[in-house]
Amino acid sequence: MKKLAFAFFALFFSVLSYAQIEGKWKTIDDETGKPKSIVEIFKKSDGKYYGKIVQLLQKPENNNCVKCTDDRKNKPLVGLEIIRGLSKDGSEFTDGTITDPKKGKTYNCTVTRNGDKLNVRGYVGISLIGRNQTWHRVD
């Protein structure tokens, strides 16, 4: 009976952790395939998920978001909130935005977790037109 209860709890917690996106993730540049930064995703008191750059793995042209056009304009890249307002919808996180600091553009965003990887999709309008990145969990 104890073994059955242990197996149940182990399965339950693995399913819970599978769907969570909170933590640190290594971003991979979809154009070069090289690691770009470490982003920490966290949940705010509004119940939505946000992500900020906590470390740069490549030297950028500029240390600030000079091409951003909103409240992030000229803010340092380290500490910059690039993901905003994701809502959990089953196993997906949707209805948020992601900002590309290099281009200063903000896109709609959907995130799904697959083990130790995040599938991050930024898109304009409908989800058919956009870019995908795979981010890797950082321990």
N, C-alpha and C. Protein backbone atom coordinates (compact mmCIF):
# COMPACT_ATOMS: atom_id res chain seq x y z
N MET A 1 0.83 -1.19 0.00
CA MET A 1 0.00 0.00 0.00
C MET A 1 0.87 1.26 0.00
N LYS A 2 1.97 1.24 0.79
CA LYS A 2 2.86 2.39 0.84
C LYS A 2 3.51 2.64 -0.52
N LYS A 3 3.87 1.54 -1.19
CA LYS A 3 4.49 1.67 -2.51
C LYS A 3 3.52 2.28 -3.50
N LEU A 4 2.26 1.89 -3.43
CA LEU A 4 1.24 2.43 -4.32
C LEU A 4 1.03 3.92 -4.05
N ALA A 5 0.96 4.29 -2.79
CA ALA A 5 0.78 5.71 -2.43
C ALA A 5 1.99 6.53 -2.90
N PHE A 6 3.20 6.00 -2.70
CA PHE A 6 4.41 6.69 -3.14
C PHE A 6 4.39 6.87 -4.66
N ALA A 7 4.04 5.83 -5.39
CA ALA A 7 3.99 5.89 -6.85
C ALA A 7 2.97 6.94 -7.31
N PHE A 8 1.82 6.98 -6.65
CA PHE A 8 0.78 7.96 -6.98
C PHE A 8 1.30 9.39 -6.80
N PHE A 9 1.93 9.66 -5.63
CA PHE A 9 2.44 11.01 -5.36
C PHE A 9 3.58 11.37 -6.30
N ALA A 10 4.44 10.42 -6.61
CA ALA A 10 5.54 10.69 -7.54
C ALA A 10 4.99 11.06 -8.91
N LEU A 11 3.99 10.33 -9.37
CA LEU A 11 3.37 10.62 -10.66
C LEU A 11 2.66 11.97 -10.63
N PHE A 12 1.94 12.23 -9.54
CA PHE A 12 1.20 13.48 -9.39
C PHE A 12 2.15 14.68 -9.46
N PHE A 13 3.27 14.64 -8.71
CA PHE A 13 4.19 15.76 -8.70
C PHE A 13 4.97 15.88 -10.00
N SER A 14 5.23 14.78 -10.68
CA SER A 14 5.91 14.88 -11.96
C SER A 14 5.00 15.52 -13.00
N VAL A 15 3.71 15.24 -12.94
CA VAL A 15 2.76 15.88 -13.85
C VAL A 15 2.68 17.37 -13.54
N LEU A 16 2.64 17.73 -12.26
CA LEU A 16 2.59 19.14 -11.89
C LEU A 16 3.84 19.87 -12.37
N SER A 17 5.01 19.30 -12.15
CA SER A 17 6.23 19.98 -12.55
C SER A 17 6.36 20.04 -14.06
N TYR A 18 5.78 19.10 -14.76
CA TYR A 18 5.85 19.06 -16.22
C TYR A 18 5.19 20.29 -16.82
N ALA A 19 4.09 20.73 -16.24
CA ALA A 19 3.34 21.84 -16.81
C ALA A 19 3.85 23.20 -16.33
N GLN A 20 4.74 23.24 -15.36
CA GLN A 20 5.22 24.51 -14.84
C GLN A 20 6.34 25.07 -15.70
N ILE A 21 6.36 26.38 -15.84
CA ILE A 21 7.41 27.03 -16.62
C ILE A 21 8.28 27.95 -15.78
N GLU A 22 7.97 28.06 -14.50
CA GLU A 22 8.75 28.93 -13.63
C GLU A 22 10.17 28.39 -13.49
N GLY A 23 11.12 29.30 -13.44
CA GLY A 23 12.52 28.93 -13.29
C GLY A 23 13.38 29.62 -14.33
N LYS A 24 14.63 29.16 -14.43
CA LYS A 24 15.58 29.76 -15.36
C LYS A 24 15.73 28.90 -16.61
N TRP A 25 15.77 29.59 -17.75
CA TRP A 25 15.82 28.93 -19.05
C TRP A 25 16.88 29.58 -19.93
N LYS A 26 17.66 28.73 -20.61
CA LYS A 26 18.67 29.22 -21.55
C LYS A 26 17.99 29.41 -22.90
N THR A 27 18.05 30.64 -23.40
CA THR A 27 17.45 30.92 -24.71
C THR A 27 18.46 30.58 -25.79
N ILE A 28 17.96 30.07 -26.89
CA ILE A 28 18.79 29.72 -28.03
C ILE A 28 18.35 30.58 -29.21
N ASP A 29 19.29 31.28 -29.80
CA ASP A 29 18.99 32.13 -30.95
C ASP A 29 18.52 31.26 -32.11
N ASP A 30 17.32 31.51 -32.61
CA ASP A 30 16.77 30.69 -33.68
C ASP A 30 17.45 30.95 -35.02
N GLU A 31 18.22 32.02 -35.14
CA GLU A 31 18.93 32.31 -36.39
C GLU A 31 20.33 31.70 -36.39
N THR A 32 21.03 31.73 -35.23
CA THR A 32 22.41 31.23 -35.17
C THR A 32 22.51 29.87 -34.50
N GLY A 33 21.51 29.49 -33.70
CA GLY A 33 21.55 28.23 -32.96
C GLY A 33 22.42 28.29 -31.72
N LYS A 34 22.93 29.48 -31.37
CA LYS A 34 23.82 29.64 -30.22
C LYS A 34 23.05 30.13 -29.00
N PRO A 35 23.51 29.73 -27.79
CA PRO A 35 22.88 30.24 -26.56
C PRO A 35 23.00 31.76 -26.50
N LYS A 36 21.91 32.40 -26.11
CA LYS A 36 21.86 33.86 -26.15
C LYS A 36 21.78 34.49 -24.76
N SER A 37 20.93 33.93 -23.90
CA SER A 37 20.74 34.53 -22.58
C SER A 37 20.09 33.52 -21.64
N ILE A 38 20.01 33.91 -20.37
CA ILE A 38 19.25 33.16 -19.38
C ILE A 38 18.05 34.03 -19.01
N VAL A 39 16.86 33.47 -19.13
CA VAL A 39 15.62 34.17 -18.78
C VAL A 39 14.99 33.46 -17.59
N GLU A 40 14.61 34.24 -16.60
CA GLU A 40 13.91 33.69 -15.45
C GLU A 40 12.42 33.98 -15.60
N ILE A 41 11.62 32.92 -15.57
CA ILE A 41 10.17 33.05 -15.67
C ILE A 41 9.59 32.90 -14.27
N PHE A 42 8.66 33.79 -13.94
CA PHE A 42 8.07 33.81 -12.60
C PHE A 42 6.60 34.21 -12.70
N LYS A 43 5.88 33.91 -11.64
CA LYS A 43 4.46 34.22 -11.56
C LYS A 43 4.27 35.43 -10.65
N LYS A 44 3.53 36.42 -11.13
CA LYS A 44 3.25 37.61 -10.32
C LYS A 44 1.93 37.43 -9.57
N SER A 45 1.64 38.39 -8.71
CA SER A 45 0.43 38.32 -7.89
C SER A 45 -0.86 38.37 -8.72
N ASP A 46 -0.76 38.81 -9.99
CA ASP A 46 -1.95 38.82 -10.85
C ASP A 46 -2.25 37.43 -11.42
N GLY A 47 -1.41 36.43 -11.05
CA GLY A 47 -1.62 35.06 -11.51
C GLY A 47 -1.05 34.78 -12.89
N LYS A 48 -0.40 35.77 -13.50
CA LYS A 48 0.17 35.61 -14.84
C LYS A 48 1.68 35.43 -14.74
N TYR A 49 2.26 34.97 -15.83
CA TYR A 49 3.68 34.64 -15.88
C TYR A 49 4.45 35.68 -16.68
N TYR A 50 5.64 35.99 -16.17
CA TYR A 50 6.51 37.01 -16.75
C TYR A 50 7.92 36.44 -16.82
N GLY A 51 8.72 36.99 -17.70
CA GLY A 51 10.10 36.53 -17.81
C GLY A 51 11.05 37.68 -18.02
N LYS A 52 12.18 37.65 -17.31
CA LYS A 52 13.17 38.72 -17.46
C LYS A 52 14.54 38.11 -17.72
N ILE A 53 15.35 38.85 -18.45
CA ILE A 53 16.72 38.43 -18.73
C ILE A 53 17.53 38.60 -17.44
N VAL A 54 18.18 37.52 -17.01
CA VAL A 54 19.02 37.61 -15.81
C VAL A 54 20.51 37.48 -16.14
N GLN A 55 20.81 37.02 -17.36
CA GLN A 55 22.22 36.89 -17.76
C GLN A 55 22.31 36.90 -19.27
N LEU A 56 23.31 37.59 -19.80
CA LEU A 56 23.59 37.57 -21.24
C LEU A 56 24.71 36.59 -21.51
N LEU A 57 24.56 35.75 -22.53
CA LEU A 57 25.58 34.76 -22.89
C LEU A 57 26.35 35.17 -24.13
N GLN A 58 25.89 36.23 -24.79
CA GLN A 58 26.58 36.82 -25.94
C GLN A 58 26.66 38.32 -25.70
N LYS A 59 27.72 38.92 -26.17
CA LYS A 59 27.85 40.37 -26.03
C LYS A 59 26.94 41.03 -27.07
N PRO A 60 25.98 41.84 -26.59
CA PRO A 60 25.07 42.50 -27.53
C PRO A 60 25.71 43.75 -28.15
N GLU A 61 25.11 44.25 -29.23
CA GLU A 61 25.55 45.52 -29.83
C GLU A 61 25.47 46.64 -28.81
N ASN A 62 24.41 46.61 -28.03
CA ASN A 62 24.17 47.65 -27.02
C ASN A 62 23.65 46.96 -25.77
N ASN A 63 24.03 47.45 -24.60
CA ASN A 63 23.59 46.85 -23.33
C ASN A 63 22.19 47.28 -22.93
N ASN A 64 21.59 48.20 -23.69
CA ASN A 64 20.24 48.69 -23.41
C ASN A 64 19.33 48.35 -24.57
N CYS A 65 18.04 48.37 -24.31
CA CYS A 65 17.05 48.09 -25.35
C CYS A 65 16.74 49.39 -26.10
N VAL A 66 17.65 49.77 -26.98
CA VAL A 66 17.53 51.05 -27.68
C VAL A 66 16.42 51.04 -28.72
N LYS A 67 16.05 49.87 -29.24
CA LYS A 67 15.01 49.81 -30.26
C LYS A 67 13.61 49.57 -29.68
N CYS A 68 13.51 49.33 -28.37
CA CYS A 68 12.19 49.19 -27.75
C CYS A 68 11.45 50.51 -27.85
N THR A 69 10.14 50.44 -27.98
CA THR A 69 9.35 51.66 -28.15
C THR A 69 8.40 51.91 -26.99
N ASP A 70 8.39 51.01 -25.99
CA ASP A 70 7.47 51.18 -24.85
C ASP A 70 8.26 51.55 -23.61
N ASP A 71 7.77 51.20 -22.44
CA ASP A 71 8.42 51.54 -21.17
C ASP A 71 9.81 50.90 -21.02
N ARG A 72 10.16 49.97 -21.90
CA ARG A 72 11.48 49.33 -21.83
C ARG A 72 12.56 50.07 -22.62
N LYS A 73 12.17 51.13 -23.33
CA LYS A 73 13.12 51.88 -24.15
C LYS A 73 14.30 52.34 -23.30
N ASN A 74 15.50 52.03 -23.82
CA ASN A 74 16.78 52.40 -23.20
C ASN A 74 17.03 51.78 -21.83
N LYS A 75 16.23 50.78 -21.46
CA LYS A 75 16.46 50.07 -20.19
C LYS A 75 17.54 49.01 -20.42
N PRO A 76 18.32 48.69 -19.37
CA PRO A 76 19.35 47.66 -19.50
C PRO A 76 18.74 46.31 -19.88
N LEU A 77 19.45 45.56 -20.71
CA LEU A 77 18.97 44.24 -21.12
C LEU A 77 18.89 43.29 -19.93
N VAL A 78 19.91 43.32 -19.06
CA VAL A 78 19.87 42.47 -17.87
C VAL A 78 18.82 43.07 -16.92
N GLY A 79 17.81 42.28 -16.62
CA GLY A 79 16.69 42.75 -15.81
C GLY A 79 15.48 43.12 -16.65
N LEU A 80 15.63 43.14 -17.97
CA LEU A 80 14.54 43.53 -18.87
C LEU A 80 13.47 42.44 -18.91
N GLU A 81 12.24 42.84 -18.69
CA GLU A 81 11.10 41.92 -18.75
C GLU A 81 10.74 41.73 -20.23
N ILE A 82 11.01 40.53 -20.77
CA ILE A 82 10.73 40.29 -22.18
C ILE A 82 9.45 39.49 -22.38
N ILE A 83 9.00 38.77 -21.35
CA ILE A 83 7.72 38.05 -21.42
C ILE A 83 6.78 38.72 -20.45
N ARG A 84 5.56 38.97 -20.92
CA ARG A 84 4.56 39.61 -20.06
C ARG A 84 3.20 38.96 -20.25
N GLY A 85 2.53 38.73 -19.12
CA GLY A 85 1.12 38.40 -19.11
C GLY A 85 0.69 37.05 -19.63
N LEU A 86 1.53 36.02 -19.55
CA LEU A 86 1.11 34.69 -19.98
C LEU A 86 0.11 34.10 -18.99
N SER A 87 -0.94 33.49 -19.49
CA SER A 87 -1.94 32.81 -18.66
C SER A 87 -1.87 31.32 -18.92
N LYS A 88 -1.98 30.54 -17.86
CA LYS A 88 -1.98 29.07 -17.99
C LYS A 88 -3.33 28.63 -18.53
N ASP A 89 -3.28 27.83 -19.60
CA ASP A 89 -4.48 27.29 -20.23
C ASP A 89 -4.23 25.81 -20.48
N GLY A 90 -4.55 24.98 -19.49
CA GLY A 90 -4.25 23.56 -19.59
C GLY A 90 -2.75 23.36 -19.51
N SER A 91 -2.16 22.76 -20.54
CA SER A 91 -0.71 22.56 -20.55
C SER A 91 0.02 23.66 -21.32
N GLU A 92 -0.73 24.64 -21.84
CA GLU A 92 -0.14 25.76 -22.57
C GLU A 92 -0.20 27.02 -21.75
N PHE A 93 0.68 27.95 -22.09
CA PHE A 93 0.67 29.28 -21.51
C PHE A 93 0.47 30.24 -22.68
N THR A 94 -0.62 31.00 -22.64
CA THR A 94 -1.03 31.78 -23.80
C THR A 94 -1.40 33.21 -23.42
N ASP A 95 -1.80 33.97 -24.42
CA ASP A 95 -2.33 35.33 -24.27
C ASP A 95 -1.33 36.32 -23.69
N GLY A 96 -0.05 36.02 -23.79
CA GLY A 96 0.98 36.95 -23.33
C GLY A 96 1.71 37.55 -24.51
N THR A 97 2.77 38.29 -24.19
CA THR A 97 3.61 38.88 -25.23
C THR A 97 5.07 38.57 -24.94
N ILE A 98 5.87 38.62 -26.01
CA ILE A 98 7.32 38.47 -25.89
C ILE A 98 7.96 39.56 -26.72
N THR A 99 9.01 40.17 -26.18
CA THR A 99 9.70 41.25 -26.87
C THR A 99 11.08 40.78 -27.29
N ASP A 100 11.42 41.05 -28.53
CA ASP A 100 12.76 40.79 -29.05
C ASP A 100 13.56 42.07 -28.84
N PRO A 101 14.45 42.10 -27.84
CA PRO A 101 15.17 43.35 -27.55
C PRO A 101 16.09 43.81 -28.68
N LYS A 102 16.56 42.87 -29.48
CA LYS A 102 17.46 43.22 -30.60
C LYS A 102 16.72 44.05 -31.64
N LYS A 103 15.46 43.70 -31.89
CA LYS A 103 14.66 44.41 -32.90
C LYS A 103 13.69 45.41 -32.28
N GLY A 104 13.46 45.28 -30.96
CA GLY A 104 12.54 46.19 -30.28
C GLY A 104 11.09 45.91 -30.57
N LYS A 105 10.80 44.75 -31.13
CA LYS A 105 9.42 44.41 -31.49
C LYS A 105 8.80 43.49 -30.46
N THR A 106 7.50 43.64 -30.27
CA THR A 106 6.75 42.81 -29.34
C THR A 106 5.76 41.97 -30.12
N TYR A 107 5.67 40.69 -29.76
CA TYR A 107 4.83 39.72 -30.46
C TYR A 107 3.89 39.03 -29.47
N ASN A 108 2.80 38.47 -29.98
CA ASN A 108 1.98 37.57 -29.17
C ASN A 108 2.85 36.37 -28.84
N CYS A 109 2.53 35.69 -27.74
CA CYS A 109 3.40 34.60 -27.30
C CYS A 109 2.60 33.43 -26.75
N THR A 110 3.06 32.23 -27.09
CA THR A 110 2.54 30.98 -26.54
C THR A 110 3.74 30.14 -26.12
N VAL A 111 3.64 29.52 -24.94
CA VAL A 111 4.73 28.68 -24.42
C VAL A 111 4.16 27.33 -24.02
N THR A 112 4.84 26.27 -24.42
CA THR A 112 4.51 24.93 -23.95
C THR A 112 5.80 24.28 -23.45
N ARG A 113 5.63 23.42 -22.46
CA ARG A 113 6.79 22.74 -21.89
C ARG A 113 6.81 21.29 -22.36
N ASN A 114 8.01 20.84 -22.69
CA ASN A 114 8.23 19.46 -23.08
C ASN A 114 9.45 18.97 -22.32
N GLY A 115 9.21 18.41 -21.12
CA GLY A 115 10.32 17.97 -20.27
C GLY A 115 11.16 19.14 -19.81
N ASP A 116 12.46 19.11 -20.15
CA ASP A 116 13.38 20.18 -19.76
C ASP A 116 13.52 21.24 -20.86
N LYS A 117 12.55 21.30 -21.75
CA LYS A 117 12.59 22.28 -22.83
C LYS A 117 11.29 23.07 -22.86
N LEU A 118 11.41 24.33 -23.26
CA LEU A 118 10.24 25.17 -23.50
C LEU A 118 10.17 25.44 -24.99
N ASN A 119 8.99 25.29 -25.54
CA ASN A 119 8.75 25.68 -26.92
C ASN A 119 8.10 27.06 -26.85
N VAL A 120 8.82 28.06 -27.32
CA VAL A 120 8.37 29.45 -27.23
C VAL A 120 8.05 29.92 -28.64
N ARG A 121 6.83 30.41 -28.83
CA ARG A 121 6.40 30.89 -30.14
C ARG A 121 5.98 32.35 -30.03
N GLY A 122 6.64 33.19 -30.81
CA GLY A 122 6.26 34.59 -30.94
C GLY A 122 5.63 34.77 -32.31
N TYR A 123 4.51 35.47 -32.36
CA TYR A 123 3.80 35.59 -33.63
C TYR A 123 3.03 36.90 -33.71
N VAL A 124 2.69 37.27 -34.95
CA VAL A 124 1.90 38.46 -35.22
C VAL A 124 0.51 37.99 -35.66
N GLY A 125 -0.52 38.59 -35.09
CA GLY A 125 -1.88 38.25 -35.50
C GLY A 125 -2.22 36.82 -35.14
N ILE A 126 -2.42 36.00 -36.16
CA ILE A 126 -2.72 34.59 -35.92
C ILE A 126 -1.41 33.81 -35.80
N SER A 127 -1.48 32.69 -35.18
CA SER A 127 -0.28 31.92 -34.84
C SER A 127 0.46 31.34 -36.05
N LEU A 128 -0.08 31.48 -37.25
CA LEU A 128 0.57 30.91 -38.43
C LEU A 128 1.84 31.66 -38.84
N ILE A 129 1.90 32.96 -38.54
CA ILE A 129 3.03 33.79 -38.95
C ILE A 129 3.85 34.13 -37.72
N GLY A 130 5.03 33.50 -37.59
CA GLY A 130 5.85 33.79 -36.41
C GLY A 130 7.12 32.98 -36.39
N ARG A 131 7.77 33.00 -35.23
CA ARG A 131 9.04 32.31 -35.02
C ARG A 131 8.94 31.41 -33.81
N ASN A 132 9.69 30.30 -33.86
CA ASN A 132 9.76 29.37 -32.73
C ASN A 132 11.19 29.35 -32.18
N GLN A 133 11.29 29.19 -30.87
CA GLN A 133 12.56 28.95 -30.23
C GLN A 133 12.37 27.82 -29.23
N THR A 134 13.44 27.07 -29.00
CA THR A 134 13.44 26.06 -27.95
C THR A 134 14.41 26.54 -26.88
N TRP A 135 13.90 26.68 -25.66
CA TRP A 135 14.71 27.09 -24.52
C TRP A 135 14.99 25.87 -23.66
N HIS A 136 16.13 25.86 -22.99
CA HIS A 136 16.54 24.71 -22.20
C HIS A 136 16.61 25.08 -20.71
N ARG A 137 16.12 24.19 -19.88
CA ARG A 137 16.09 24.39 -18.42
C ARG A 137 17.51 24.54 -17.89
N VAL A 138 17.70 25.49 -16.99
CA VAL A 138 18.97 25.71 -16.31
C VAL A 138 18.79 25.26 -14.88
N ASP A 139 19.66 24.38 -14.38
CA ASP A 139 19.55 23.88 -13.02
C ASP A 139 20.07 24.87 -12.00
